PDB file of N, CA and C in Angstrom:
ATOM      1  N   MET A   1     107.376  43.000  32.322  1.00  0.00           N
ATOM      2  CA  MET A   1     106.058  43.483  32.867  1.00  0.00           C
ATOM      3  C   MET A   1     106.297  44.677  32.743  1.00  0.00           C
ATOM      4  N   ILE A   2     104.593  45.145  32.935  1.00  0.00           N
ATOM      5  CA  ILE A   2     104.291  46.673  32.784  1.00  0.00           C
ATOM      6  C   ILE A   2     103.995  46.402  33.966  1.00  0.00           C
ATOM      7  N   SER A   3     103.871  48.072  34.090  1.00  0.00           N
ATOM      8  CA  SER A   3     103.057  49.032  35.286  1.00  0.00           C
ATOM      9  C   SER A   3     102.499  48.647  35.244  1.00  0.00           C
ATOM     10  N   LEU A   4     101.773  48.368  37.123  1.00  0.00           N
ATOM     11  CA  LEU A   4      99.797  47.600  36.905  1.00  0.00           C
ATOM     12  C   LEU A   4      98.934  49.080  37.011  1.00  0.00           C
ATOM     13  N   LYS A   5     100.103  50.354  36.355  1.00  0.00           N
ATOM     14  CA  LYS A   5      99.040  51.946  35.821  1.00  0.00           C
ATOM     15  C   LYS A   5      98.832  51.530  34.370  1.00  0.00           C
ATOM     16  N   GLU A   6      99.911  50.708  34.076  1.00  0.00           N
ATOM     17  CA  GLU A   6      99.741  51.435  32.777  1.00  0.00           C
ATOM     18  C   GLU A   6      99.004  49.826  32.061  1.00  0.00           C
ATOM     19  N   PHE A   7      98.715  48.443  33.521  1.00  0.00           N
ATOM     20  CA  PHE A   7      98.434  47.661  32.892  1.00  0.00           C
ATOM     21  C   PHE A   7      96.634  47.891  33.531  1.00  0.00           C
ATOM     22  N   LYS A   8      96.274  49.225  34.255  1.00  0.00           N
ATOM     23  CA  LYS A   8      95.083  48.818  34.452  1.00  0.00           C
ATOM     24  C   LYS A   8      94.038  49.728  33.320  1.00  0.00           C
ATOM     25  N   LYS A   9      95.322  51.248  33.123  1.00  0.00           N
ATOM     26  CA  LYS A   9      94.828  51.697  31.742  1.00  0.00           C
ATOM     27  C   LYS A   9      93.910  50.942  30.403  1.00  0.00           C
ATOM     28  N   ALA A  10      94.583  49.883  29.751  1.00  0.00           N
ATOM     29  CA  ALA A  10      94.690  48.948  29.020  1.00  0.00           C
ATOM     30  C   ALA A  10      93.426  48.619  29.123  1.00  0.00           C
ATOM     31  N   LEU A  11      92.378  47.974  30.458  1.00  0.00           N
ATOM     32  CA  LEU A  11      91.318  47.974  31.280  1.00  0.00           C
ATOM     33  C   LEU A  11      90.597  48.018  30.678  1.00  0.00           C
ATOM     34  N   PRO A  12      89.337  47.358  30.280  1.00  0.00           N
ATOM     35  CA  PRO A  12      88.179  48.626  29.574  1.00  0.00           C
ATOM     36  C   PRO A  12      87.727  49.176  31.010  1.00  0.00           C
ATOM     37  N   ALA A  13      87.015  50.368  30.268  1.00  0.00           N
ATOM     38  CA  ALA A  13      86.788  51.474  31.318  1.00  0.00           C
ATOM     39  C   ALA A  13      85.306  50.514  32.616  1.00  0.00           C
ATOM     40  N   ASP A  14      84.614  49.754  31.765  1.00  0.00           N
ATOM     41  CA  ASP A  14      83.225  48.910  32.944  1.00  0.00           C
ATOM     42  C   ASP A  14      84.270  47.354  33.572  1.00  0.00           C
ATOM     43  N   CYS A  15      85.309  47.438  33.412  1.00  0.00           N
ATOM     44  CA  CYS A  15      85.426  46.640  34.436  1.00  0.00           C
ATOM     45  C   CYS A  15      85.482  46.795  35.549  1.00  0.00           C
ATOM     46  N   ASN A  16      85.097  45.596  36.013  1.00  0.00           N
ATOM     47  CA  ASN A  16      84.769  44.978  37.647  1.00  0.00           C
ATOM     48  C   ASN A  16      85.469  44.728  38.044  1.00  0.00           C
ATOM     49  N   LEU A  17      86.742  43.790  37.903  1.00  0.00           N
ATOM     50  CA  LEU A  17      87.932  43.469  38.220  1.00  0.00           C
ATOM     51  C   LEU A  17      88.214  44.098  40.383  1.00  0.00           C
ATOM     52  N   THR A  18      88.812  42.785  41.267  1.00  0.00           N
ATOM     53  CA  THR A  18      89.049  43.669  42.062  1.00  0.00           C
ATOM     54  C   THR A  18      91.136  43.753  41.883  1.00  0.00           C
ATOM     55  N   GLU A  19      91.383  44.851  43.309  1.00  0.00           N
ATOM     56  CA  GLU A  19      92.872  44.981  42.644  1.00  0.00           C
ATOM     57  C   GLU A  19      93.454  43.481  42.976  1.00  0.00           C
ATOM     58  N   GLU A  20      92.813  42.400  43.259  1.00  0.00           N
ATOM     59  CA  GLU A  20      93.748  41.221  43.394  1.00  0.00           C
ATOM     60  C   GLU A  20      93.752  40.312  42.625  1.00  0.00           C
ATOM     61  N   GLU A  21      91.942  40.210  41.489  1.00  0.00           N
ATOM     62  CA  GLU A  21      91.948  40.184  40.209  1.00  0.00           C
ATOM     63  C   GLU A  21      92.672  40.244  39.249  1.00  0.00           C
ATOM     64  N   ILE A  22      92.719  41.969  38.917  1.00  0.00           N
ATOM     65  CA  ILE A  22      94.028  42.627  38.380  1.00  0.00           C
ATOM     66  C   ILE A  22      95.380  42.018  38.446  1.00  0.00           C
ATOM     67  N   LEU A  23      96.257  42.303  40.073  1.00  0.00           N
ATOM     68  CA  LEU A  23      97.163  42.149  40.242  1.00  0.00           C
ATOM     69  C   LEU A  23      97.410  40.490  39.520  1.00  0.00           C
ATOM     70  N   LYS A  24      96.019  38.828  39.449  1.00  0.00           N
ATOM     71  CA  LYS A  24      96.782  38.167  39.371  1.00  0.00           C
ATOM     72  C   LYS A  24      96.130  37.248  37.625  1.00  0.00           C
ATOM     73  N   LEU A  25      95.905  38.060  36.770  1.00  0.00           N
ATOM     74  CA  LEU A  25      95.707  38.670  35.427  1.00  0.00           C
ATOM     75  C   LEU A  25      96.950  39.307  34.438  1.00  0.00           C
ATOM     76  N   ARG A  26      97.458  40.804  34.987  1.00  0.00           N
ATOM     77  CA  ARG A  26      98.686  40.973  35.055  1.00  0.00           C
ATOM     78  C   ARG A  26     100.038  39.686  35.156  1.00  0.00           C
ATOM     79  N   GLU A  27      99.810  39.432  36.221  1.00  0.00           N
ATOM     80  CA  GLU A  27     101.067  38.362  36.111  1.00  0.00           C
ATOM     81  C   GLU A  27     100.583  36.824  35.213  1.00  0.00           C
ATOM     82  N   ASN A  28      99.522  36.483  35.191  1.00  0.00           N
ATOM     83  CA  ASN A  28      98.844  35.361  34.336  1.00  0.00           C
ATOM     84  C   ASN A  28      99.345  36.260  32.868  1.00  0.00           C
ATOM     85  N   GLN A  29      99.263  36.955  32.368  1.00  0.00           N
ATOM     86  CA  GLN A  29      99.210  37.234  30.876  1.00  0.00           C
ATOM     87  C   GLN A  29     100.714  37.632  30.657  1.00  0.00           C
ATOM     88  N   ASP A  30     101.733  38.312  31.890  1.00  0.00           N
ATOM     89  CA  ASP A  30     103.307  38.049  32.211  1.00  0.00           C
ATOM     90  C   ASP A  30     103.558  36.520  31.308  1.00  0.00           C
ATOM     91  N   LYS A  31     103.213  35.586  32.488  1.00  0.00           N
ATOM     92  CA  LYS A  31     103.696  34.599  32.346  1.00  0.00           C
ATOM     93  C   LYS A  31     103.230  33.714  30.397  1.00  0.00           C
ATOM     94  N   HIS A  32     102.605  33.967  30.318  1.00  0.00           N
ATOM     95  CA  HIS A  32     102.285  34.163  29.424  1.00  0.00           C
ATOM     96  C   HIS A  32     103.143  33.910  28.143  1.00  0.00           C
ATOM     97  N   ALA A  33     102.780  35.614  28.530  1.00  0.00           N
ATOM     98  CA  ALA A  33     104.182  36.742  27.453  1.00  0.00           C
ATOM     99  C   ALA A  33     105.655  35.990  27.359  1.00  0.00           C
ATOM    100  N   GLU A  34     105.957  35.227  28.522  1.00  0.00           N
ATOM    101  CA  GLU A  34     107.656  34.659  28.913  1.00  0.00           C
ATOM    102  C   GLU A  34     107.661  33.437  27.813  1.00  0.00           C
ATOM    103  N   ILE A  35     106.325  32.383  28.215  1.00  0.00           N
ATOM    104  CA  ILE A  35     105.927  30.724  27.696  1.00  0.00           C
ATOM    105  C   ILE A  35     106.818  31.116  25.819  1.00  0.00           C
ATOM    106  N   PHE A  36     105.535  32.272  24.724  1.00  0.00           N
ATOM    107  CA  PHE A  36     104.983  32.421  23.930  1.00  0.00           C
ATOM    108  C   PHE A  36     107.567  32.648  23.465  1.00  0.00           C
ATOM    109  N   PHE A  37     107.639  34.265  24.265  1.00  0.00           N
ATOM    110  CA  PHE A  37     108.838  34.101  23.554  1.00  0.00           C
ATOM    111  C   PHE A  37     109.827  33.237  23.886  1.00  0.00           C
ATOM    112  N   ASN A  38     109.814  32.142  25.248  1.00  0.00           N
ATOM    113  CA  ASN A  38     110.123  31.320  25.058  1.00  0.00           C
ATOM    114  C   ASN A  38     110.568  30.247  24.088  1.00  0.00           C
ATOM    115  N   MET A  39     109.008  29.408  23.515  1.00  0.00           N
ATOM    116  CA  MET A  39     108.785  29.095  22.513  1.00  0.00           C
ATOM    117  C   MET A  39     109.346  29.489  20.981  1.00  0.00           C
ATOM    118  N   TRP A  40     108.813  31.046  20.989  1.00  0.00           N
ATOM    119  CA  TRP A  40     109.794  31.506  19.386  1.00  0.00           C
ATOM    120  C   TRP A  40     111.129  31.635  19.853  1.00  0.00           C
ATOM    121  N   LEU A  41     112.154  31.453  20.344  1.00  0.00           N
ATOM    122  CA  LEU A  41     113.519  31.758  20.601  1.00  0.00           C
ATOM    123  C   LEU A  41     113.812  30.251  20.092  1.00  0.00           C
ATOM    124  N   GLU A  42     113.220  29.876  19.852  1.00  0.00           N
ATOM    125  CA  GLU A  42     113.957  28.219  21.036  1.00  0.00           C
ATOM    126  C   GLU A  42     113.875  27.445  19.513  1.00  0.00           C
ATOM    127  N   ASP A  43     112.602  28.055  18.599  1.00  0.00           N
ATOM    128  CA  ASP A  43     112.524  28.058  16.982  1.00  0.00           C
ATOM    129  C   ASP A  43     113.386  28.887  16.637  1.00  0.00           C
ATOM    130  N   ARG A  44     113.779  30.552  16.887  1.00  0.00           N
ATOM    131  CA  ARG A  44     115.434  30.745  15.909  1.00  0.00           C
ATOM    132  C   ARG A  44     116.529  30.192  16.033  1.00  0.00           C
ATOM    133  N   LYS A  45     116.864  29.962  17.494  1.00  0.00           N
ATOM    134  CA  LYS A  45     117.429  28.624  17.453  1.00  0.00           C
ATOM    135  C   LYS A  45     117.932  27.964  16.616  1.00  0.00           C
ATOM    136  N   LYS A  46     117.150  26.798  16.833  1.00  0.00           N
ATOM    137  CA  LYS A  46     116.771  25.796  15.250  1.00  0.00           C
ATOM    138  C   LYS A  46     117.328  26.052  14.224  1.00  0.00           C
ATOM    139  N   GLY A  47     116.732  27.281  13.643  1.00  0.00           N
ATOM    140  CA  GLY A  47     116.371  27.578  13.029  1.00  0.00           C
ATOM    141  C   GLY A  47     115.246  27.861  11.832  1.00  0.00           C
ATOM    142  N   ASN A  48     113.760  27.266  12.532  1.00  0.00           N
ATOM    143  CA  ASN A  48     112.775  27.701  12.051  1.00  0.00           C
ATOM    144  C   ASN A  48     112.122  28.913  11.498  1.00  0.00           C
ATOM    145  N   ILE A  49     111.950  29.417  12.407  1.00  0.00           N
ATOM    146  CA  ILE A  49     112.045  30.864  11.685  1.00  0.00           C
ATOM    147  C   ILE A  49     112.716  31.663  11.022  1.00  0.00           C
TER     148      ILE A  49
END
C-alpha cells in the first residue's frame, strides 16, 4: 500500500474528502489491486497469459 502522503498527492487539488473518506478510499483501492493481482497470478499459474 502506498503511503497516505503519496495517496493524497495523487488526489485532485479540489478534492473535498474528509481524512476518514480518504483513508477508506485508499483501503478500497488497495483491496481492488490485491484482487486484480490475485486474478492475474492465477491466470499466470494456469498458463492463460
